[in-house]
Protein backbone atom coordinates (compact mmCIF):
# COMPACT_ATOMS: atom_id res chain seq x y z
CA MET A 1 11.23 36.21 -27.39
CA ASN A 2 7.50 36.33 -27.21
CA SER A 3 5.43 36.86 -23.99
CA SER A 4 4.32 33.16 -23.63
CA ALA A 5 7.83 31.94 -24.02
CA THR A 6 9.00 34.52 -21.56
CA SER A 7 6.14 33.60 -19.04
CA LEU A 8 7.10 29.86 -19.41
CA CYS A 9 10.71 30.84 -18.54
CA GLN A 10 9.66 32.56 -15.49
CA LEU A 11 7.68 29.52 -14.04
CA ASN A 12 9.15 27.52 -11.23
CA ALA A 13 8.98 23.81 -10.43
CA LYS A 14 6.26 24.59 -7.87
CA ASP A 15 4.17 26.20 -10.78
CA ILE A 16 3.97 23.11 -12.81
CA MET A 17 4.62 20.10 -10.36
CA SER A 18 1.96 17.46 -9.58
CA SER A 19 1.18 17.23 -5.87
CA PRO A 20 0.52 15.18 -3.70
CA VAL A 21 2.92 12.48 -4.78
CA LEU A 22 2.01 9.04 -4.85
CA THR A 23 4.62 6.94 -3.23
CA ALA A 24 5.61 3.26 -3.30
CA HIS A 25 6.61 1.44 -0.17
CA ASP A 26 10.10 -0.29 -0.02
CA THR A 27 8.74 -3.60 1.24
CA TRP A 28 5.97 -3.94 -1.54
CA SER A 29 6.50 -6.92 -3.91
CA VAL A 30 7.20 -6.11 -7.59
CA LYS A 31 3.72 -7.39 -8.29
CA MET A 32 2.17 -4.89 -5.80
CA LEU A 33 4.17 -2.21 -7.42
CA LEU A 34 2.92 -3.14 -10.91
CA ASP A 35 -0.68 -3.16 -9.63
CA PHE A 36 -0.05 0.32 -7.99
CA PHE A 37 1.36 1.79 -11.37
CA SER A 38 -1.59 0.33 -13.23
CA LYS A 39 -4.17 1.65 -11.04
CA HIS A 40 -2.72 5.05 -10.92
CA ARG A 41 -1.55 5.01 -14.53
CA ILE A 42 1.93 6.13 -13.55
CA THR A 43 5.23 4.78 -14.64
CA GLY A 44 7.45 5.71 -11.67
CA ALA A 45 7.34 6.71 -7.89
CA PRO A 46 9.49 7.68 -5.13
CA VAL A 47 10.05 4.97 -2.56
CA THR A 48 9.54 5.39 1.12
CA ASP A 49 10.14 3.32 4.16
CA TYR A 50 7.55 2.43 6.86
CA GLN A 51 8.48 5.85 8.61
CA GLY A 52 7.78 7.68 5.21
CA LYS A 53 11.36 8.40 4.66
CA LEU A 54 12.56 8.84 1.12
CA LYS A 55 14.66 5.79 0.19
CA GLY A 56 14.82 5.94 -3.63
CA VAL A 57 12.77 5.93 -6.89
CA VAL A 58 11.43 2.96 -8.84
CA THR A 59 10.19 3.04 -12.39
CA MET A 60 8.87 0.64 -14.99
CA SER A 61 12.43 0.47 -16.33
CA ASP A 62 13.51 -1.04 -13.15
CA VAL A 63 10.73 -3.50 -13.35
CA LEU A 64 11.64 -4.37 -16.85
CA ARG A 65 15.17 -4.73 -15.92
CA PHE A 66 14.34 -6.99 -13.17
CA GLU A 67 12.05 -9.17 -15.02
CA ASN A 68 14.70 -9.63 -17.83
CA LEU A 69 17.34 -10.83 -15.29
CA PRO A 70 18.70 -14.34 -15.33
CA ALA A 71 17.24 -16.53 -12.79
CA VAL A 72 20.45 -16.71 -10.79
CA GLU A 73 20.44 -12.93 -10.45
CA LYS A 74 16.80 -13.00 -9.32
CA GLU A 75 17.89 -15.78 -6.68
CA ARG A 76 20.62 -13.36 -5.33
CA LEU A 77 18.02 -10.42 -5.05
CA ILE A 78 15.39 -12.69 -3.30
CA GLY A 79 17.98 -14.26 -1.02
CA VAL A 80 19.53 -10.94 0.06
CA SER A 81 15.99 -9.71 0.82
CA CYS A 82 13.85 -10.21 3.89
CA TYR A 83 14.33 -13.89 3.99
CA GLY A 84 18.08 -13.78 4.97
CA GLU A 85 17.97 -10.44 6.58
CA TYR A 86 15.20 -10.73 8.93
CA ALA A 87 14.93 -14.49 9.57
CA SER A 88 18.55 -15.11 10.04
CA TYR A 89 18.01 -18.12 7.70
CA GLU A 90 19.92 -18.87 4.81
CA LEU A 91 17.84 -20.36 2.02
CA SER A 92 18.74 -23.43 0.09
CA HIS A 93 19.33 -23.36 -3.54
CA GLU A 94 16.01 -25.44 -3.95
CA ASP A 95 14.13 -22.88 -1.81
CA LEU A 96 15.56 -20.13 -3.98
CA VAL A 97 14.59 -21.80 -7.27
CA GLN A 98 11.06 -22.12 -5.92
CA LEU A 99 10.92 -18.48 -4.87
CA VAL A 100 12.25 -17.22 -8.30
CA GLN A 101 9.41 -18.96 -10.11
CA HIS A 102 7.24 -16.22 -8.55
CA ALA A 103 9.86 -13.57 -8.27
CA ASP A 104 7.35 -10.78 -8.90
CA ILE A 105 5.72 -11.65 -5.62
CA ASN A 106 8.85 -12.65 -3.78
CA CYS A 107 11.22 -9.67 -4.55
CA PRO A 108 10.55 -6.41 -2.56
CA VAL A 109 10.76 -2.94 -4.45
CA ALA A 110 13.81 -2.11 -2.22
CA GLN A 111 15.71 -4.71 -4.28
CA ILE A 112 15.06 -3.12 -7.68
CA MET A 113 14.77 0.50 -6.85
CA THR A 114 17.35 3.25 -7.65
CA PRO A 115 18.52 4.53 -4.23
CA HIS A 116 19.65 7.82 -5.62
CA ILE A 117 16.89 10.51 -5.68
CA ILE A 118 17.27 13.42 -8.14
CA SER A 119 15.60 16.48 -6.69
CA VAL A 120 15.19 20.16 -7.04
CA ALA A 121 13.92 23.00 -4.86
CA SER A 122 10.37 24.40 -5.45
CA ASN A 123 11.82 27.61 -6.79
CA THR A 124 13.88 25.91 -9.42
CA SER A 125 13.13 27.48 -12.88
CA VAL A 126 11.43 25.36 -15.37
CA PRO A 127 14.25 25.79 -17.91
CA ASP A 128 16.65 24.45 -15.24
CA VAL A 129 14.24 21.50 -14.55
CA ALA A 130 14.22 20.61 -18.33
CA LYS A 131 17.88 20.77 -18.51
CA LEU A 132 18.31 18.48 -15.51
CA LEU A 133 15.93 16.02 -16.93
CA ARG A 134 17.66 16.08 -20.40
CA GLU A 135 21.08 15.93 -18.97
CA ARG A 136 20.38 12.93 -16.56
CA GLU A 137 18.23 11.33 -19.27
CA ILE A 138 15.28 11.01 -16.75
CA HIS A 139 11.62 11.46 -16.99
CA ARG A 140 10.80 12.87 -13.53
CA VAL A 141 12.47 14.89 -10.73
CA PHE A 142 11.16 15.29 -7.22
CA VAL A 143 10.49 18.67 -5.58
CA LEU A 144 11.63 19.09 -2.13
CA GLU A 145 11.17 21.92 0.58
CA ASP A 146 12.91 21.60 3.71
CA GLU A 147 13.88 18.13 2.85
CA GLN A 148 10.18 17.18 2.52
CA LEU A 149 8.73 15.74 -0.66
CA VAL A 150 6.18 18.31 -2.01
CA GLY A 151 5.78 17.42 -5.68
CA VAL A 152 7.12 15.89 -8.75
CA VAL A 153 7.80 17.41 -12.18
CA SER A 154 7.60 15.01 -15.03
CA THR A 155 8.04 15.26 -18.62
CA SER A 156 4.34 15.31 -18.94
CA ASN A 157 4.23 18.44 -16.65
CA LEU A 158 6.81 20.16 -18.83
CA LEU A 159 4.66 19.33 -21.95
CA ASP A 160 1.56 20.47 -20.31
CA ALA A 161 3.32 23.83 -19.41
CA LEU A 162 4.52 24.20 -23.00
CA ILE A 163 1.01 23.49 -24.34
CA SER A 164 -0.60 26.00 -22.17
CA ALA A 165 2.16 28.61 -22.99
CA CYS A 166 1.57 28.11 -26.68
CA ALA A 167 -2.21 28.07 -26.42
CA CYS A 168 -1.93 31.76 -25.16
CA GLN A 169 -0.43 32.75 -28.34
CA CYS A 170 -3.63 31.73 -30.29
């Protein structure tokens, strides 16, 4: 094995992660999330609550899945969200139909996010991070230290590290 490959294998998540991590809020609308993704040129983010606690992860795949749901499923997601939960008010079918017409504004991120967070420790080796991404078929993993979010390693971070290692050979 050459020295640049060896050095790449010796790197840890903390060596290639992006930090600080941009986070989405669980009460944002899907539209706000899309604006956030566009503004920051990202395709996914961890989701936090108003206290900053990690609640899940949301990606463009979640948004696309939501956008392609039948109206009846969107009605269910919107009806379960803040309207019924906080106002103790059950919406009529007509109310839900109206809300679904603007589902991207009326459905919160909490309803479309994945509540399971896949994370690694900051000292996890780059090869182990790559294996995890490949095995789980995901594009990012969050880096935690003492249960606190300190970074994110994405497929782009891995590719950048590979490019840097290969550039050392030239």
